[in-house]
N, C-alpha and C. Protein backbone atom coordinates (compact mmCIF):
# COMPACT_ATOMS: atom_id res chain seq x y z
N MET A 1 12.51 27.35 -0.05
CA MET A 1 11.98 26.23 0.70
C MET A 1 12.92 25.94 1.87
N ALA A 2 12.34 25.74 3.01
CA ALA A 2 13.14 25.48 4.21
C ALA A 2 13.66 24.04 4.17
N LYS A 3 14.90 23.86 4.58
CA LYS A 3 15.47 22.53 4.66
C LYS A 3 15.05 21.87 5.96
N ARG A 4 14.84 20.59 5.90
CA ARG A 4 14.53 19.84 7.12
C ARG A 4 15.82 19.57 7.87
N SER A 5 15.73 19.65 9.16
CA SER A 5 16.89 19.24 9.94
C SER A 5 16.86 17.73 10.06
N LYS A 6 18.00 17.15 10.40
CA LYS A 6 18.04 15.69 10.49
C LYS A 6 17.19 15.17 11.64
N HIS A 7 16.77 16.05 12.54
CA HIS A 7 15.99 15.62 13.70
C HIS A 7 14.49 15.49 13.42
N ASN A 8 14.00 16.07 12.32
CA ASN A 8 12.57 15.95 12.05
C ASN A 8 12.26 15.09 10.82
N LEU A 9 13.23 14.30 10.38
CA LEU A 9 12.97 13.36 9.29
C LEU A 9 12.16 12.19 9.84
N LYS A 10 11.13 11.79 9.11
CA LYS A 10 10.29 10.70 9.58
C LYS A 10 10.75 9.35 9.03
N TRP A 11 11.20 9.30 7.78
CA TRP A 11 11.57 8.05 7.14
C TRP A 11 13.07 7.99 6.94
N ILE A 12 13.63 6.84 7.20
CA ILE A 12 15.05 6.62 6.99
C ILE A 12 15.18 5.41 6.08
N LYS A 13 15.86 5.59 4.95
CA LYS A 13 16.09 4.47 4.05
C LYS A 13 17.46 3.89 4.36
N GLU A 14 17.50 2.57 4.50
CA GLU A 14 18.74 1.89 4.81
C GLU A 14 18.89 0.70 3.87
N THR A 15 20.05 0.56 3.26
CA THR A 15 20.32 -0.55 2.37
C THR A 15 21.29 -1.49 3.07
N LEU A 16 20.91 -2.77 3.15
CA LEU A 16 21.71 -3.77 3.83
C LEU A 16 22.04 -4.89 2.86
N GLU A 17 23.17 -5.52 3.05
CA GLU A 17 23.56 -6.68 2.26
C GLU A 17 22.84 -7.91 2.82
N LEU A 18 22.13 -8.63 1.97
CA LEU A 18 21.41 -9.82 2.42
C LEU A 18 22.36 -10.99 2.61
N LYS A 19 22.09 -11.79 3.62
CA LYS A 19 22.88 -13.00 3.86
C LYS A 19 22.54 -14.04 2.81
N GLU A 20 23.47 -14.96 2.59
CA GLU A 20 23.34 -15.94 1.51
C GLU A 20 22.05 -16.74 1.57
N ASN A 21 21.64 -17.18 2.73
CA ASN A 21 20.43 -18.02 2.86
C ASN A 21 19.24 -17.22 3.37
N HIS A 22 19.07 -16.00 2.89
CA HIS A 22 17.98 -15.16 3.39
C HIS A 22 16.62 -15.74 3.00
N LEU A 23 15.59 -15.31 3.73
CA LEU A 23 14.23 -15.82 3.55
C LEU A 23 13.35 -14.91 2.70
N TRP A 24 13.88 -13.80 2.21
CA TRP A 24 13.08 -12.87 1.43
C TRP A 24 12.72 -13.51 0.09
N LYS A 25 11.44 -13.55 -0.20
CA LYS A 25 10.96 -14.09 -1.48
C LYS A 25 9.95 -13.10 -2.04
N ALA A 26 10.12 -12.74 -3.30
CA ALA A 26 9.19 -11.83 -3.97
C ALA A 26 8.58 -12.53 -5.17
N THR A 27 7.42 -12.07 -5.57
CA THR A 27 6.79 -12.53 -6.79
C THR A 27 7.75 -12.24 -7.94
N PRO A 28 7.91 -13.16 -8.92
CA PRO A 28 8.81 -12.87 -10.05
C PRO A 28 8.48 -11.53 -10.70
N GLY A 29 9.51 -10.72 -10.91
CA GLY A 29 9.35 -9.39 -11.50
C GLY A 29 9.03 -8.31 -10.48
N TYR A 30 8.96 -8.69 -9.22
CA TYR A 30 8.62 -7.77 -8.15
C TYR A 30 9.75 -7.73 -7.12
N GLN A 31 9.66 -6.78 -6.22
CA GLN A 31 10.57 -6.69 -5.09
C GLN A 31 9.75 -6.49 -3.82
N VAL A 32 10.34 -6.85 -2.69
CA VAL A 32 9.66 -6.76 -1.41
C VAL A 32 9.78 -5.35 -0.86
N PHE A 33 8.66 -4.78 -0.42
CA PHE A 33 8.67 -3.51 0.29
C PHE A 33 8.28 -3.80 1.74
N VAL A 34 9.08 -3.30 2.68
CA VAL A 34 8.80 -3.46 4.09
C VAL A 34 8.91 -2.10 4.75
N ALA A 35 7.89 -1.72 5.52
CA ALA A 35 7.91 -0.46 6.27
C ALA A 35 7.93 -0.76 7.75
N ASP A 36 8.71 -0.01 8.48
CA ASP A 36 8.75 -0.06 9.94
C ASP A 36 8.97 -1.48 10.46
N ARG A 37 10.04 -2.12 9.97
CA ARG A 37 10.47 -3.44 10.43
C ARG A 37 9.42 -4.54 10.24
N GLY A 38 8.44 -4.32 9.40
CA GLY A 38 7.44 -5.35 9.14
C GLY A 38 6.03 -4.98 9.53
N ALA A 39 5.83 -3.73 9.95
CA ALA A 39 4.46 -3.30 10.23
C ALA A 39 3.60 -3.52 8.98
N VAL A 40 4.19 -3.20 7.81
CA VAL A 40 3.53 -3.41 6.52
C VAL A 40 4.54 -4.03 5.57
N ARG A 41 4.10 -5.03 4.81
CA ARG A 41 4.96 -5.66 3.81
C ARG A 41 4.09 -6.08 2.63
N PHE A 42 4.57 -5.81 1.40
CA PHE A 42 3.93 -6.30 0.18
C PHE A 42 4.93 -6.18 -0.96
N ASP A 43 4.60 -6.80 -2.09
CA ASP A 43 5.47 -6.77 -3.26
C ASP A 43 5.06 -5.65 -4.21
N VAL A 44 6.07 -4.98 -4.78
CA VAL A 44 5.87 -3.94 -5.79
C VAL A 44 6.74 -4.28 -7.00
N PRO A 45 6.35 -3.83 -8.19
CA PRO A 45 7.16 -4.16 -9.37
C PRO A 45 8.59 -3.64 -9.26
N GLN A 46 9.52 -4.44 -9.74
CA GLN A 46 10.92 -4.02 -9.76
C GLN A 46 11.05 -2.77 -10.62
N GLY A 47 11.88 -1.86 -10.17
CA GLY A 47 12.15 -0.64 -10.93
C GLY A 47 11.19 0.50 -10.67
N TRP A 48 10.13 0.27 -9.91
CA TRP A 48 9.22 1.36 -9.61
C TRP A 48 9.90 2.33 -8.66
N ILE A 49 9.50 3.57 -8.72
CA ILE A 49 10.13 4.64 -7.96
C ILE A 49 9.39 4.82 -6.63
N LEU A 50 10.14 4.78 -5.54
CA LEU A 50 9.59 5.00 -4.21
C LEU A 50 9.79 6.46 -3.84
N GLU A 51 8.70 7.11 -3.45
CA GLU A 51 8.75 8.50 -2.98
C GLU A 51 8.11 8.54 -1.60
N PRO A 52 8.93 8.53 -0.53
CA PRO A 52 8.34 8.65 0.81
C PRO A 52 7.64 10.01 0.95
N GLN A 53 6.43 9.98 1.48
CA GLN A 53 5.67 11.19 1.74
C GLN A 53 5.71 11.43 3.26
N GLN A 54 5.09 12.48 3.71
CA GLN A 54 5.12 12.78 5.14
C GLN A 54 4.50 11.67 5.98
N SER A 55 3.39 11.08 5.51
CA SER A 55 2.74 10.04 6.30
C SER A 55 2.40 8.80 5.47
N SER A 56 3.08 8.62 4.33
CA SER A 56 2.80 7.46 3.48
C SER A 56 4.02 7.17 2.61
N PHE A 57 3.90 6.07 1.85
CA PHE A 57 4.92 5.70 0.87
C PHE A 57 4.22 5.61 -0.47
N ARG A 58 4.78 6.25 -1.49
CA ARG A 58 4.18 6.30 -2.82
C ARG A 58 5.12 5.64 -3.82
N PHE A 59 4.56 4.74 -4.64
CA PHE A 59 5.30 4.07 -5.70
C PHE A 59 4.69 4.48 -7.04
N THR A 60 5.54 4.82 -8.01
CA THR A 60 5.07 5.15 -9.35
C THR A 60 5.87 4.35 -10.37
N ASP A 61 5.28 4.14 -11.54
CA ASP A 61 5.95 3.38 -12.59
C ASP A 61 6.94 4.21 -13.38
N GLY A 62 7.01 5.50 -13.13
CA GLY A 62 7.95 6.41 -13.78
C GLY A 62 8.08 7.66 -12.95
N LYS A 63 9.05 8.46 -13.28
CA LYS A 63 9.25 9.70 -12.53
C LYS A 63 8.16 10.69 -12.92
N PRO A 64 7.38 11.19 -11.94
CA PRO A 64 6.35 12.18 -12.26
C PRO A 64 6.99 13.40 -12.94
N PRO A 65 6.38 13.93 -13.96
CA PRO A 65 5.00 13.71 -14.43
C PRO A 65 4.87 12.63 -15.49
N ASP A 66 5.91 11.84 -15.70
CA ASP A 66 5.87 10.81 -16.74
C ASP A 66 5.42 9.45 -16.20
N ASP A 67 4.63 9.46 -15.12
CA ASP A 67 4.12 8.22 -14.55
C ASP A 67 2.70 7.98 -15.05
N ASN A 68 2.30 6.72 -15.02
CA ASN A 68 0.95 6.34 -15.46
C ASN A 68 0.11 5.75 -14.35
N CYS A 69 0.71 5.56 -13.18
CA CYS A 69 -0.04 5.02 -12.05
C CYS A 69 0.67 5.39 -10.76
N CYS A 70 -0.07 5.25 -9.67
CA CYS A 70 0.47 5.56 -8.35
C CYS A 70 -0.12 4.59 -7.34
N LEU A 71 0.74 3.84 -6.65
CA LEU A 71 0.36 2.93 -5.58
C LEU A 71 0.87 3.55 -4.28
N GLU A 72 -0.03 3.79 -3.33
CA GLU A 72 0.37 4.47 -2.10
C GLU A 72 -0.16 3.72 -0.89
N VAL A 73 0.65 3.70 0.17
CA VAL A 73 0.26 3.01 1.41
C VAL A 73 0.57 3.90 2.60
N SER A 74 -0.34 3.90 3.55
CA SER A 74 -0.11 4.52 4.85
C SER A 74 -0.59 3.53 5.90
N PHE A 75 -0.10 3.69 7.13
CA PHE A 75 -0.51 2.76 8.17
C PHE A 75 -0.45 3.43 9.53
N ASN A 76 -1.21 2.85 10.46
CA ASN A 76 -1.25 3.31 11.84
C ASN A 76 -1.10 2.12 12.76
N ARG A 77 -0.37 2.33 13.84
CA ARG A 77 -0.30 1.33 14.91
C ARG A 77 -1.51 1.58 15.82
N LEU A 78 -2.17 0.52 16.20
CA LEU A 78 -3.35 0.63 17.04
C LEU A 78 -3.03 0.15 18.46
N PRO A 79 -3.68 0.72 19.46
CA PRO A 79 -3.45 0.23 20.82
C PRO A 79 -4.01 -1.19 20.96
N PRO A 80 -3.48 -1.97 21.89
CA PRO A 80 -3.98 -3.34 22.06
C PRO A 80 -5.49 -3.34 22.36
N ALA A 81 -6.22 -4.12 21.59
CA ALA A 81 -7.67 -4.24 21.74
C ALA A 81 -8.16 -5.35 20.82
N ASP A 82 -9.42 -5.71 20.96
CA ASP A 82 -10.05 -6.67 20.06
C ASP A 82 -10.69 -5.89 18.91
N TYR A 83 -10.11 -5.99 17.73
CA TYR A 83 -10.61 -5.26 16.56
C TYR A 83 -11.41 -6.15 15.62
N SER A 84 -11.75 -7.35 16.06
CA SER A 84 -12.43 -8.30 15.19
C SER A 84 -13.82 -7.85 14.77
N GLN A 85 -14.43 -6.96 15.53
CA GLN A 85 -15.79 -6.52 15.21
C GLN A 85 -15.83 -5.16 14.51
N ILE A 86 -14.69 -4.59 14.21
CA ILE A 86 -14.66 -3.30 13.49
C ILE A 86 -15.29 -3.51 12.12
N PRO A 87 -16.28 -2.70 11.76
CA PRO A 87 -16.96 -2.86 10.47
C PRO A 87 -16.15 -2.24 9.32
N LEU A 88 -15.21 -3.01 8.79
CA LEU A 88 -14.33 -2.49 7.74
C LEU A 88 -15.09 -1.98 6.51
N PRO A 89 -16.15 -2.66 6.04
CA PRO A 89 -16.87 -2.11 4.89
C PRO A 89 -17.40 -0.70 5.15
N ARG A 90 -17.90 -0.46 6.36
CA ARG A 90 -18.40 0.88 6.69
C ARG A 90 -17.26 1.89 6.71
N LEU A 91 -16.11 1.51 7.25
CA LEU A 91 -14.95 2.41 7.24
C LEU A 91 -14.53 2.76 5.83
N LEU A 92 -14.52 1.75 4.95
CA LEU A 92 -14.15 1.99 3.56
C LEU A 92 -15.16 2.92 2.89
N ARG A 93 -16.45 2.72 3.15
CA ARG A 93 -17.47 3.61 2.57
C ARG A 93 -17.24 5.05 3.02
N GLN A 94 -16.85 5.25 4.26
CA GLN A 94 -16.56 6.59 4.77
C GLN A 94 -15.38 7.21 4.03
N VAL A 95 -14.35 6.42 3.77
CA VAL A 95 -13.20 6.92 3.01
C VAL A 95 -13.64 7.31 1.60
N VAL A 96 -14.40 6.44 0.96
CA VAL A 96 -14.85 6.69 -0.41
C VAL A 96 -15.80 7.90 -0.47
N ASP A 97 -16.67 8.04 0.52
CA ASP A 97 -17.61 9.16 0.54
C ASP A 97 -16.91 10.51 0.66
N ARG A 98 -15.70 10.51 1.21
CA ARG A 98 -14.94 11.77 1.33
C ARG A 98 -14.12 12.09 0.08
N ASP A 99 -14.14 11.20 -0.90
CA ASP A 99 -13.37 11.41 -2.13
C ASP A 99 -13.93 12.62 -2.87
N THR A 100 -13.07 13.57 -3.19
CA THR A 100 -13.52 14.83 -3.82
C THR A 100 -13.38 14.82 -5.34
N ARG A 101 -12.93 13.71 -5.90
CA ARG A 101 -12.79 13.66 -7.36
C ARG A 101 -14.16 13.50 -8.01
N ASN A 102 -14.22 13.71 -9.31
CA ASN A 102 -15.45 13.59 -10.07
C ASN A 102 -15.73 12.10 -10.32
N VAL A 103 -16.34 11.43 -9.32
CA VAL A 103 -16.58 9.99 -9.39
C VAL A 103 -17.75 9.70 -10.32
N ILE A 104 -17.53 8.80 -11.26
CA ILE A 104 -18.55 8.41 -12.23
C ILE A 104 -19.26 7.13 -11.78
N LYS A 105 -18.48 6.21 -11.20
CA LYS A 105 -19.05 4.91 -10.85
C LYS A 105 -18.24 4.31 -9.70
N ARG A 106 -18.94 3.55 -8.84
CA ARG A 106 -18.30 2.82 -7.73
C ARG A 106 -18.62 1.35 -7.86
N SER A 107 -17.64 0.52 -7.54
CA SER A 107 -17.89 -0.93 -7.55
C SER A 107 -18.40 -1.37 -6.18
N ILE A 108 -18.73 -2.63 -6.08
CA ILE A 108 -19.11 -3.20 -4.80
C ILE A 108 -17.87 -3.23 -3.90
N ILE A 109 -18.08 -3.49 -2.62
CA ILE A 109 -16.96 -3.64 -1.70
C ILE A 109 -16.62 -5.13 -1.60
N HIS A 110 -15.37 -5.43 -1.86
CA HIS A 110 -14.86 -6.80 -1.80
C HIS A 110 -14.24 -7.03 -0.43
N GLU A 111 -14.46 -8.21 0.15
CA GLU A 111 -13.90 -8.53 1.46
C GLU A 111 -12.96 -9.73 1.34
N VAL A 112 -11.81 -9.62 2.00
CA VAL A 112 -10.81 -10.68 2.04
C VAL A 112 -10.50 -10.94 3.51
N ASN A 113 -10.64 -12.18 3.93
CA ASN A 113 -10.33 -12.55 5.31
C ASN A 113 -9.27 -13.63 5.31
N ARG A 114 -8.16 -13.34 5.99
CA ARG A 114 -7.08 -14.31 6.16
C ARG A 114 -6.92 -14.55 7.66
N VAL A 115 -6.01 -15.42 8.01
CA VAL A 115 -5.80 -15.74 9.42
C VAL A 115 -5.45 -14.49 10.22
N ALA A 116 -4.53 -13.68 9.74
CA ALA A 116 -4.06 -12.52 10.51
C ALA A 116 -4.36 -11.18 9.83
N LEU A 117 -5.32 -11.19 8.90
CA LEU A 117 -5.59 -9.95 8.15
C LEU A 117 -7.03 -9.94 7.67
N ARG A 118 -7.70 -8.82 7.91
CA ARG A 118 -9.01 -8.54 7.30
C ARG A 118 -8.81 -7.38 6.36
N LEU A 119 -9.41 -7.47 5.18
CA LEU A 119 -9.17 -6.47 4.15
C LEU A 119 -10.46 -6.24 3.36
N VAL A 120 -10.74 -4.98 3.07
CA VAL A 120 -11.85 -4.63 2.17
C VAL A 120 -11.30 -3.67 1.12
N TRP A 121 -11.87 -3.76 -0.09
CA TRP A 121 -11.44 -2.84 -1.14
C TRP A 121 -12.58 -2.59 -2.11
N THR A 122 -12.45 -1.47 -2.81
CA THR A 122 -13.42 -1.10 -3.82
C THR A 122 -12.71 -0.35 -4.94
N GLU A 123 -13.44 -0.10 -6.01
CA GLU A 123 -12.88 0.61 -7.16
C GLU A 123 -13.79 1.77 -7.54
N LEU A 124 -13.18 2.89 -7.86
CA LEU A 124 -13.90 4.06 -8.36
C LEU A 124 -13.46 4.35 -9.78
N LEU A 125 -14.39 4.74 -10.61
CA LEU A 125 -14.09 5.29 -11.93
C LEU A 125 -14.32 6.79 -11.81
N PHE A 126 -13.32 7.59 -12.19
CA PHE A 126 -13.48 9.03 -12.05
C PHE A 126 -12.87 9.74 -13.25
N MET A 127 -13.26 11.00 -13.42
CA MET A 127 -12.71 11.85 -14.47
C MET A 127 -11.61 12.70 -13.85
N ASP A 128 -10.38 12.52 -14.34
CA ASP A 128 -9.26 13.31 -13.83
C ASP A 128 -9.40 14.74 -14.32
N SER A 129 -9.44 15.68 -13.39
CA SER A 129 -9.68 17.08 -13.75
C SER A 129 -8.48 17.74 -14.41
N ASN A 130 -7.27 17.24 -14.17
CA ASN A 130 -6.08 17.82 -14.80
C ASN A 130 -5.89 17.32 -16.22
N GLU A 131 -6.01 16.03 -16.41
CA GLU A 131 -5.75 15.41 -17.72
C GLU A 131 -7.02 15.28 -18.57
N HIS A 132 -8.19 15.46 -17.94
CA HIS A 132 -9.48 15.29 -18.63
C HIS A 132 -9.57 13.91 -19.27
N ARG A 133 -9.18 12.89 -18.46
CA ARG A 133 -9.22 11.50 -18.88
C ARG A 133 -9.85 10.69 -17.75
N GLN A 134 -10.44 9.57 -18.13
CA GLN A 134 -10.99 8.68 -17.11
C GLN A 134 -9.89 7.84 -16.47
N ALA A 135 -10.03 7.64 -15.19
CA ALA A 135 -9.05 6.86 -14.44
C ALA A 135 -9.78 6.00 -13.41
N PHE A 136 -9.09 4.96 -12.97
CA PHE A 136 -9.58 4.11 -11.90
C PHE A 136 -8.80 4.41 -10.63
N SER A 137 -9.48 4.25 -9.52
CA SER A 137 -8.83 4.32 -8.22
C SER A 137 -9.30 3.12 -7.43
N ARG A 138 -8.37 2.31 -6.97
CA ARG A 138 -8.70 1.20 -6.08
C ARG A 138 -8.26 1.60 -4.69
N ILE A 139 -9.11 1.33 -3.72
CA ILE A 139 -8.88 1.75 -2.35
C ILE A 139 -9.13 0.56 -1.44
N ALA A 140 -8.16 0.28 -0.55
CA ALA A 140 -8.28 -0.85 0.38
C ALA A 140 -7.98 -0.39 1.79
N VAL A 141 -8.71 -0.97 2.73
CA VAL A 141 -8.45 -0.78 4.15
C VAL A 141 -8.16 -2.16 4.72
N GLY A 142 -7.01 -2.29 5.38
CA GLY A 142 -6.62 -3.56 5.98
C GLY A 142 -6.43 -3.41 7.47
N LEU A 143 -6.67 -4.50 8.19
CA LEU A 143 -6.55 -4.50 9.65
C LEU A 143 -6.02 -5.86 10.09
N GLY A 144 -4.93 -5.82 10.86
CA GLY A 144 -4.38 -7.06 11.37
C GLY A 144 -3.19 -6.81 12.26
N ALA A 145 -3.03 -7.63 13.28
CA ALA A 145 -1.87 -7.59 14.18
C ALA A 145 -1.60 -6.20 14.74
N GLY A 146 -2.67 -5.47 15.06
CA GLY A 146 -2.50 -4.15 15.65
C GLY A 146 -2.09 -3.07 14.67
N ILE A 147 -2.23 -3.34 13.38
CA ILE A 147 -1.89 -2.37 12.33
C ILE A 147 -3.13 -2.15 11.46
N GLN A 148 -3.41 -0.89 11.14
CA GLN A 148 -4.45 -0.54 10.18
C GLN A 148 -3.73 0.12 9.01
N CYS A 149 -4.04 -0.32 7.78
CA CYS A 149 -3.39 0.29 6.62
C CYS A 149 -4.43 0.73 5.60
N LEU A 150 -4.01 1.70 4.80
CA LEU A 150 -4.81 2.21 3.69
C LEU A 150 -3.94 2.10 2.45
N LEU A 151 -4.42 1.39 1.45
CA LEU A 151 -3.74 1.26 0.16
C LEU A 151 -4.61 1.93 -0.90
N THR A 152 -3.98 2.73 -1.76
CA THR A 152 -4.70 3.30 -2.89
C THR A 152 -3.88 3.04 -4.15
N PHE A 153 -4.56 2.89 -5.27
CA PHE A 153 -3.90 2.63 -6.55
C PHE A 153 -4.68 3.34 -7.64
N ASP A 154 -4.07 4.34 -8.26
CA ASP A 154 -4.70 5.12 -9.33
C ASP A 154 -4.00 4.84 -10.65
N TYR A 155 -4.79 4.65 -11.71
CA TYR A 155 -4.23 4.37 -13.02
C TYR A 155 -5.26 4.73 -14.09
N TRP A 156 -4.78 4.97 -15.31
CA TRP A 156 -5.66 5.34 -16.42
C TRP A 156 -6.47 4.13 -16.87
N VAL A 157 -7.68 4.39 -17.34
CA VAL A 157 -8.58 3.33 -17.79
C VAL A 157 -7.91 2.47 -18.86
N GLU A 158 -7.23 3.09 -19.81
CA GLU A 158 -6.63 2.33 -20.91
C GLU A 158 -5.44 1.47 -20.46
N ASP A 159 -4.96 1.68 -19.24
CA ASP A 159 -3.84 0.89 -18.72
C ASP A 159 -4.29 -0.21 -17.76
N ALA A 160 -5.60 -0.43 -17.64
CA ALA A 160 -6.13 -1.37 -16.65
C ALA A 160 -5.53 -2.77 -16.81
N GLU A 161 -5.48 -3.29 -18.01
CA GLU A 161 -4.98 -4.64 -18.22
C GLU A 161 -3.53 -4.77 -17.75
N ARG A 162 -2.75 -3.73 -17.96
CA ARG A 162 -1.33 -3.74 -17.58
C ARG A 162 -1.14 -3.62 -16.07
N PHE A 163 -2.00 -2.85 -15.38
CA PHE A 163 -1.77 -2.56 -13.97
C PHE A 163 -2.60 -3.38 -12.98
N LEU A 164 -3.65 -4.03 -13.43
CA LEU A 164 -4.44 -4.84 -12.49
C LEU A 164 -3.61 -5.93 -11.79
N PRO A 165 -2.66 -6.57 -12.48
CA PRO A 165 -1.82 -7.55 -11.76
C PRO A 165 -0.99 -6.92 -10.62
N VAL A 166 -0.66 -5.64 -10.73
CA VAL A 166 0.08 -4.97 -9.66
C VAL A 166 -0.77 -4.90 -8.40
N TRP A 167 -2.03 -4.53 -8.57
CA TRP A 167 -2.95 -4.47 -7.43
C TRP A 167 -3.16 -5.86 -6.83
N ASP A 168 -3.42 -6.83 -7.69
CA ASP A 168 -3.65 -8.19 -7.21
C ASP A 168 -2.44 -8.71 -6.43
N THR A 169 -1.24 -8.43 -6.91
CA THR A 169 -0.02 -8.87 -6.23
C THR A 169 0.15 -8.15 -4.91
N ALA A 170 -0.08 -6.84 -4.90
CA ALA A 170 0.05 -6.08 -3.65
C ALA A 170 -0.89 -6.65 -2.59
N LEU A 171 -2.14 -6.90 -2.95
CA LEU A 171 -3.10 -7.43 -1.97
C LEU A 171 -2.76 -8.86 -1.55
N SER A 172 -2.36 -9.69 -2.50
CA SER A 172 -2.10 -11.10 -2.16
C SER A 172 -0.83 -11.26 -1.32
N THR A 173 0.10 -10.31 -1.40
CA THR A 173 1.33 -10.41 -0.62
C THR A 173 1.31 -9.52 0.62
N LEU A 174 0.23 -8.77 0.83
CA LEU A 174 0.15 -7.86 1.96
C LEU A 174 0.19 -8.62 3.28
N GLN A 175 1.08 -8.19 4.16
CA GLN A 175 1.17 -8.72 5.52
C GLN A 175 1.26 -7.54 6.48
N LEU A 176 0.61 -7.66 7.61
CA LEU A 176 0.64 -6.61 8.63
C LEU A 176 1.17 -7.18 9.94
N GLY A 177 2.06 -6.43 10.57
CA GLY A 177 2.52 -6.77 11.91
C GLY A 177 3.36 -8.02 12.02
N LEU A 178 4.05 -8.40 10.96
CA LEU A 178 4.98 -9.53 11.01
C LEU A 178 6.39 -8.95 11.08
N TYR A 179 6.88 -8.74 12.27
CA TYR A 179 8.10 -7.97 12.47
C TYR A 179 9.36 -8.76 12.14
N ILE A 180 10.28 -8.08 11.50
CA ILE A 180 11.52 -8.66 11.02
C ILE A 180 12.59 -8.46 12.07
N SER A 181 13.08 -9.55 12.66
CA SER A 181 14.10 -9.43 13.71
C SER A 181 15.47 -9.20 13.10
N ASP A 182 15.74 -9.75 11.92
CA ASP A 182 17.02 -9.55 11.24
C ASP A 182 16.76 -9.28 9.77
N PRO A 183 16.83 -8.02 9.34
CA PRO A 183 16.51 -7.70 7.95
C PRO A 183 17.47 -8.32 6.94
N THR A 184 18.65 -8.74 7.35
CA THR A 184 19.58 -9.36 6.40
C THR A 184 19.22 -10.81 6.11
N THR A 185 18.36 -11.42 6.95
CA THR A 185 17.93 -12.79 6.71
C THR A 185 16.44 -12.87 6.39
N GLY A 186 15.68 -11.86 6.80
CA GLY A 186 14.23 -11.89 6.60
C GLY A 186 13.50 -12.66 7.68
N ALA A 187 14.23 -13.09 8.70
CA ALA A 187 13.60 -13.84 9.80
C ALA A 187 12.59 -12.95 10.48
N ALA A 188 11.38 -13.47 10.66
CA ALA A 188 10.29 -12.68 11.20
C ALA A 188 9.83 -13.24 12.54
N ARG A 189 9.19 -12.38 13.30
CA ARG A 189 8.56 -12.79 14.55
C ARG A 189 7.26 -12.02 14.67
N PRO A 190 6.21 -12.63 15.21
CA PRO A 190 4.99 -11.86 15.44
C PRO A 190 5.21 -10.86 16.56
N ASP A 191 4.48 -9.76 16.52
CA ASP A 191 4.65 -8.72 17.55
C ASP A 191 4.08 -9.19 18.87
């Protein structure tokens, strides 16, 4: 396998010491995840494993193959424009229609509208071809502050009760385009 040079790395992880009166607040039992200085921010369970991918960030509850779920996020910066009329439910249907897994059932599309964020999500029940077990996949498309994000969350049917709060927390804490001017304090500014 070829090694990457330091010039073509896309993600850089940096650990900073927080100042005493910092503004970072996470849901109890969770930690704050921030990508690209605040382009995307949401809470993930403490202790989950972060695996940066080429164009996304993946969180698992254990080291693969001993994981039982996968929460993944990707995002795009959009050029300045009025995106208020973008039909998010239709975009989500297009994403779901391209799903190549053995889908058994689809839920309705749920819509969430906040001051600075529009979000749609749905759930698929599918048969995992590797494990020959039923699993759920939740898929969300969010749009706000010039950022478009895609969140996916896959988990086994029998683990639904345990993992549904993770999805609910990720969506309820999701923020787009709230840029962090000082990561040691959590002070934010709109873009």
